[in-house]
């Protein structure tokens, strides 16, 4: 169904199954990039 972690997390965020703090952790773990975080949430990522 999903071709990447980015697509999966974007879908989860849209469905409200994942929240912004969870996505920040995915960035810190290297699963998604800060740019992808910003694309998903429309918020700036600050480390």
C-alpha atoms as a PDB file:
ATOM      1  CA  UNK A   1       0.000   0.000   0.000  1.00  0.00           C
ATOM      2  CA  UNK A   2       2.825   2.408   0.851  1.00  0.00           C
ATOM      3  CA  UNK A   3       6.018   2.787  -1.151  1.00  0.00           C
ATOM      4  CA  UNK A   4       7.921   4.570   1.611  1.00  0.00           C
ATOM      5  CA  UNK A   5       7.887   5.476   5.291  1.00  0.00           C
ATOM      6  CA  UNK A   6       7.124   9.041   4.222  1.00  0.00           C
ATOM      7  CA  UNK A   7       3.912   7.963   2.453  1.00  0.00           C
ATOM      8  CA  UNK A   8       2.890   5.780   5.387  1.00  0.00           C
ATOM      9  CA  UNK A   9       3.459   8.502   7.972  1.00  0.00           C
ATOM     10  CA  UNK A  10       1.765  11.121   5.820  1.00  0.00           C
ATOM     11  CA  UNK A  11      -1.300   8.875   5.621  1.00  0.00           C
ATOM     12  CA  UNK A  12      -1.235   8.212   9.384  1.00  0.00           C
ATOM     13  CA  UNK A  13      -0.967  11.948  10.098  1.00  0.00           C
ATOM     14  CA  UNK A  14      -3.896  12.725   7.799  1.00  0.00           C
ATOM     15  CA  UNK A  15      -5.980  10.053   9.558  1.00  0.00           C
ATOM     16  CA  UNK A  16      -4.843  11.455  12.947  1.00  0.00           C
ATOM     17  CA  UNK A  17      -3.242   8.116  13.813  1.00  0.00           C
ATOM     18  CA  UNK A  18       0.129   9.866  14.255  1.00  0.00           C
ATOM     19  CA  UNK A  19       0.660  13.211  15.911  1.00  0.00           C
ATOM     20  CA  UNK A  20       3.292  15.893  15.399  1.00  0.00           C
ATOM     21  CA  UNK A  21       5.466  14.835  18.390  1.00  0.00           C
ATOM     22  CA  UNK A  22       5.591  11.287  17.025  1.00  0.00           C
ATOM     23  CA  UNK A  23       6.717  12.571  13.632  1.00  0.00           C
ATOM     24  CA  UNK A  24       9.457  14.601  15.345  1.00  0.00           C
ATOM     25  CA  UNK A  25      10.744  11.362  16.839  1.00  0.00           C
ATOM     26  CA  UNK A  26      10.736   9.708  13.425  1.00  0.00           C
ATOM     27  CA  UNK A  27      12.963  12.552  12.208  1.00  0.00           C
ATOM     28  CA  UNK A  28      15.348  12.058  15.141  1.00  0.00           C
ATOM     29  CA  UNK A  29      15.487   8.314  14.337  1.00  0.00           C
ATOM     30  CA  UNK A  30      16.246   9.071  10.676  1.00  0.00           C
ATOM     31  CA  UNK A  31      13.041   7.520   9.338  1.00  0.00           C
ATOM     32  CA  UNK A  32      11.955  10.749   7.627  1.00  0.00           C
ATOM     33  CA  UNK A  33      13.878  13.936   6.885  1.00  0.00           C
ATOM     34  CA  UNK A  34      13.158  17.352   8.405  1.00  0.00           C
ATOM     35  CA  UNK A  35      11.936  18.442   4.964  1.00  0.00           C
ATOM     36  CA  UNK A  36       9.485  15.530   4.844  1.00  0.00           C
ATOM     37  CA  UNK A  37       8.292  16.424   8.356  1.00  0.00           C
ATOM     38  CA  UNK A  38       7.572  19.965   7.148  1.00  0.00           C
ATOM     39  CA  UNK A  39       5.796  18.624   4.077  1.00  0.00           C
ATOM     40  CA  UNK A  40       3.550  16.397   6.220  1.00  0.00           C
ATOM     41  CA  UNK A  41       2.756  18.845   9.034  1.00  0.00           C
ATOM     42  CA  UNK A  42       3.151  22.275   7.362  1.00  0.00           C
ATOM     43  CA  UNK A  43       5.247  23.216  10.417  1.00  0.00           C
ATOM     44  CA  UNK A  44       8.920  24.073  10.544  1.00  0.00           C
ATOM     45  CA  UNK A  45      11.165  21.413  12.053  1.00  0.00           C
ATOM     46  CA  UNK A  46      13.545  22.635  14.730  1.00  0.00           C
ATOM     47  CA  UNK A  47      16.053  20.149  16.113  1.00  0.00           C
END
